[in-house]
C-alpha atoms as a PDB file:
ATOM      1  CA  MET A   1     -20.336  18.011  11.922  1.00  0.00           C
ATOM      2  CA  LYS A   2     -23.908  18.200  10.685  1.00  0.00           C
ATOM      3  CA  ALA A   3     -24.452  21.694  12.080  1.00  0.00           C
ATOM      4  CA  GLN A   4     -21.278  23.027  10.417  1.00  0.00           C
ATOM      5  CA  SER A   5     -22.036  21.646   6.937  1.00  0.00           C
ATOM      6  CA  LEU A   6     -22.452  24.340   4.301  1.00  0.00           C
ATOM      7  CA  CYS A   7     -24.497  22.262   1.879  1.00  0.00           C
ATOM      8  CA  GLU A   8     -27.067  19.467   1.851  1.00  0.00           C
ATOM      9  CA  THR A   9     -24.507  16.876   0.685  1.00  0.00           C
ATOM     10  CA  GLY A  10     -22.232  17.664   3.622  1.00  0.00           C
ATOM     11  CA  SER A  11     -25.165  17.344   5.987  1.00  0.00           C
ATOM     12  CA  ASP A  12     -26.154  13.979   4.471  1.00  0.00           C
ATOM     13  CA  ILE A  13     -22.591  12.694   4.815  1.00  0.00           C
ATOM     14  CA  ALA A  14     -22.529  13.797   8.449  1.00  0.00           C
ATOM     15  CA  VAL A  15     -25.744  11.861   9.138  1.00  0.00           C
ATOM     16  CA  GLY A  16     -24.166   8.728   7.624  1.00  0.00           C
ATOM     17  CA  VAL A  17     -20.984   9.123   9.656  1.00  0.00           C
ATOM     18  CA  LEU A  18     -22.948   9.657  12.865  1.00  0.00           C
ATOM     19  CA  ALA A  19     -25.078   6.561  12.158  1.00  0.00           C
ATOM     20  CA  ALA A  20     -21.941   4.477  11.564  1.00  0.00           C
ATOM     21  CA  MET A  21     -20.362   5.792  14.764  1.00  0.00           C
ATOM     22  CA  GLU A  22     -23.519   4.971  16.701  1.00  0.00           C
ATOM     23  CA  GLN A  23     -23.735   1.424  15.358  1.00  0.00           C
ATOM     24  CA  TYR A  24     -20.022   0.552  15.159  1.00  0.00           C
ATOM     25  CA  GLY A  25     -18.498   2.996  17.652  1.00  0.00           C
ATOM     26  CA  GLU A  26     -17.033   0.319  19.912  1.00  0.00           C
ATOM     27  CA  ASP A  27     -15.367  -1.499  17.011  1.00  0.00           C
ATOM     28  CA  LEU A  28     -14.089   1.732  15.464  1.00  0.00           C
ATOM     29  CA  GLY A  29     -12.733   2.858  18.825  1.00  0.00           C
ATOM     30  CA  GLY A  30     -10.992  -0.473  19.312  1.00  0.00           C
ATOM     31  CA  HIS A  31      -9.308  -0.223  15.930  1.00  0.00           C
ATOM     32  CA  ILE A  32      -8.250   3.383  16.395  1.00  0.00           C
ATOM     33  CA  THR A  33      -7.306   3.670  20.048  1.00  0.00           C
ATOM     34  CA  LYS A  34      -6.514   0.125  21.194  1.00  0.00           C
ATOM     35  CA  ARG A  35      -5.357  -1.399  17.892  1.00  0.00           C
ATOM     36  CA  ILE A  36      -7.652  -4.376  18.465  1.00  0.00           C
ATOM     37  CA  CYS A  37      -9.907  -6.105  15.954  1.00  0.00           C
ATOM     38  CA  ARG A  38     -12.604  -8.000  17.853  1.00  0.00           C
ATOM     39  CA  ALA A  39     -13.423 -10.003  14.733  1.00  0.00           C
ATOM     40  CA  GLY A  40      -9.790 -11.105  14.523  1.00  0.00           C
ATOM     41  CA  VAL A  41      -9.496 -10.477  10.800  1.00  0.00           C
ATOM     42  CA  CYS A  42      -7.272  -7.396  10.638  1.00  0.00           C
ATOM     43  CA  ARG A  43      -3.813  -8.902  10.183  1.00  0.00           C
ATOM     44  CA  LYS A  44      -2.031  -5.705  11.175  1.00  0.00           C
ATOM     45  CA  PHE A  45      -3.417  -6.113  14.682  1.00  0.00           C
ATOM     46  CA  MET A  46      -2.334  -9.760  15.002  1.00  0.00           C
ATOM     47  CA  THR A  47       0.867 -11.150  16.347  1.00  0.00           C
ATOM     48  CA  PHE A  48       2.361 -14.559  15.633  1.00  0.00           C
ATOM     49  CA  HIS A  49       3.975 -16.647  18.369  1.00  0.00           C
ATOM     50  CA  ILE A  50       5.927 -19.890  18.496  1.00  0.00           C
ATOM     51  CA  LEU A  51       4.754 -22.448  21.035  1.00  0.00           C
ATOM     52  CA  PRO A  52       7.904 -23.748  22.766  1.00  0.00           C
ATOM     53  CA  ASP A  53       6.464 -27.196  23.473  1.00  0.00           C
ATOM     54  CA  GLN A  54       5.699 -27.757  19.775  1.00  0.00           C
ATOM     55  CA  CYS A  55       8.725 -26.138  18.113  1.00  0.00           C
ATOM     56  CA  THR A  56      11.214 -28.764  16.905  1.00  0.00           C
ATOM     57  CA  GLY A  57      13.759 -26.207  15.721  1.00  0.00           C
ATOM     58  CA  CYS A  58      13.549 -27.381  12.109  1.00  0.00           C
ATOM     59  CA  GLY A  59      14.268 -23.887  10.779  1.00  0.00           C
ATOM     60  CA  ASP A  60      11.604 -23.904   8.061  1.00  0.00           C
ATOM     61  CA  CYS A  61      10.020 -20.742   9.490  1.00  0.00           C
ATOM     62  CA  VAL A  62      13.403 -18.984   9.615  1.00  0.00           C
ATOM     63  CA  ASP A  63      14.015 -19.839   5.961  1.00  0.00           C
ATOM     64  CA  GLU A  64      10.511 -18.723   4.948  1.00  0.00           C
ATOM     65  CA  CYS A  65      10.537 -15.364   6.760  1.00  0.00           C
ATOM     66  CA  GLY A  66      11.465 -12.646   4.273  1.00  0.00           C
ATOM     67  CA  GLU A  67      11.852 -10.074   7.052  1.00  0.00           C
ATOM     68  CA  GLU A  68      14.320 -12.161   9.092  1.00  0.00           C
ATOM     69  CA  ALA A  69      12.014 -11.703  12.082  1.00  0.00           C
ATOM     70  CA  ILE A  70      12.514 -15.225  13.453  1.00  0.00           C
ATOM     71  CA  LEU A  71      15.516 -16.076  15.576  1.00  0.00           C
ATOM     72  CA  GLY A  72      16.775 -19.535  16.409  1.00  0.00           C
ATOM     73  CA  LYS A  73      19.288 -22.218  15.563  1.00  0.00           C
ATOM     74  CA  ARG A  74      18.438 -25.663  14.258  1.00  0.00           C
ATOM     75  CA  ARG A  75      17.117 -28.006  16.967  1.00  0.00           C
ATOM     76  CA  PHE A  76      16.511 -25.050  19.310  1.00  0.00           C
ATOM     77  CA  ILE A  77      13.244 -23.270  20.022  1.00  0.00           C
ATOM     78  CA  HIS A  78      12.693 -20.289  17.734  1.00  0.00           C
ATOM     79  CA  VAL A  79      11.342 -16.846  18.645  1.00  0.00           C
ATOM     80  CA  ILE A  80       9.498 -14.264  16.534  1.00  0.00           C
ATOM     81  CA  GLN A  81      10.702 -10.679  16.957  1.00  0.00           C
ATOM     82  CA  GLN A  82       7.427  -8.764  17.004  1.00  0.00           C
ATOM     83  CA  ASP A  83       9.081  -5.475  16.028  1.00  0.00           C
ATOM     84  CA  GLU A  84      10.371  -7.032  12.799  1.00  0.00           C
ATOM     85  CA  CYS A  85       7.340  -9.181  11.915  1.00  0.00           C
ATOM     86  CA  ILE A  86       5.006  -7.785   9.223  1.00  0.00           C
ATOM     87  CA  GLN A  87       2.237 -10.331   9.963  1.00  0.00           C
ATOM     88  CA  CYS A  88       2.366 -11.905   6.500  1.00  0.00           C
ATOM     89  CA  GLY A  89       1.616 -15.393   7.882  1.00  0.00           C
ATOM     90  CA  ALA A  90       4.227 -17.197   5.785  1.00  0.00           C
ATOM     91  CA  CYS A  91       5.704 -18.820   8.897  1.00  0.00           C
ATOM     92  CA  LEU A  92       2.276 -19.992   9.999  1.00  0.00           C
ATOM     93  CA  GLU A  93       1.677 -21.741   6.693  1.00  0.00           C
ATOM     94  CA  ILE A  94       5.113 -23.387   6.460  1.00  0.00           C
ATOM     95  CA  CYS A  95       5.192 -24.835   9.998  1.00  0.00           C
ATOM     96  CA  ASP A  96       4.299 -28.544   9.770  1.00  0.00           C
ATOM     97  CA  GLU A  97       4.378 -28.879  13.563  1.00  0.00           C
ATOM     98  CA  GLY A  98       1.622 -26.323  14.171  1.00  0.00           C
ATOM     99  CA  ALA A  99       3.999 -24.512  16.525  1.00  0.00           C
ATOM    100  CA  ILE A 100       3.192 -21.033  15.209  1.00  0.00           C
ATOM    101  CA  VAL A 101      -0.099 -19.525  16.287  1.00  0.00           C
ATOM    102  CA  PRO A 102      -1.728 -16.153  15.634  1.00  0.00           C
ATOM    103  CA  ARG A 103      -2.945 -13.975  18.446  1.00  0.00           C
ATOM    104  CA  ARG A 104      -5.904 -11.667  17.875  1.00  0.00           C
ATOM    105  CA  SER A 105      -4.507  -8.402  19.159  1.00  0.00           C
ATOM    106  CA  ARG A 106      -1.226  -6.713  19.810  1.00  0.00           C
ATOM    107  CA  GLN A 107      -0.037  -6.246  23.345  1.00  0.00           C
ATOM    108  CA  ALA A 108       0.514  -2.709  24.498  1.00  0.00           C
ATOM    109  CA  ALA A 109       4.115  -1.708  24.018  1.00  0.00           C
ATOM    110  CA  MET A 110       6.163  -1.736  27.188  1.00  0.00           C
ATOM    111  CA  PRO A 111       8.671   1.057  27.730  1.00  0.00           C
ATOM    112  CA  GLU A 112      12.290   0.027  27.310  1.00  0.00           C
ATOM    113  CA  LYS A 113      13.306   1.871  30.467  1.00  0.00           C
ATOM    114  CA  THR A 114      11.343   3.117  33.409  1.00  0.00           C
ATOM    115  CA  ASP A 115      12.347   6.011  35.590  1.00  0.00           C
ATOM    116  CA  THR A 116      11.797   5.682  39.298  1.00  0.00           C
ATOM    117  CA  MET A 117      12.192   8.406  41.846  1.00  0.00           C
END
């Protein structure tokens, strides 16, 4: 990058980028390739889950979810559909039981079907 720059400004920018990559390379790589935020602050990389032993089935989270990502009937344990969830955290804030918890990173997607030979 630095060697290919045609002007001094481009060269200076390349030095800054290389310094950032050297200091934060592991974190940048985690964000880009693994979709993981080690600091746990990037909401897009979080998932929210309902703890079955704490869910009372009150339905407050279902009512609060604007994306209709939570499934469940009253008095039954609810489930968050990760594909539909936009990680807004509204369900987390509304749950008086503390049954909804964030998880720091997304799980790798599993294939819907596997081919075996």
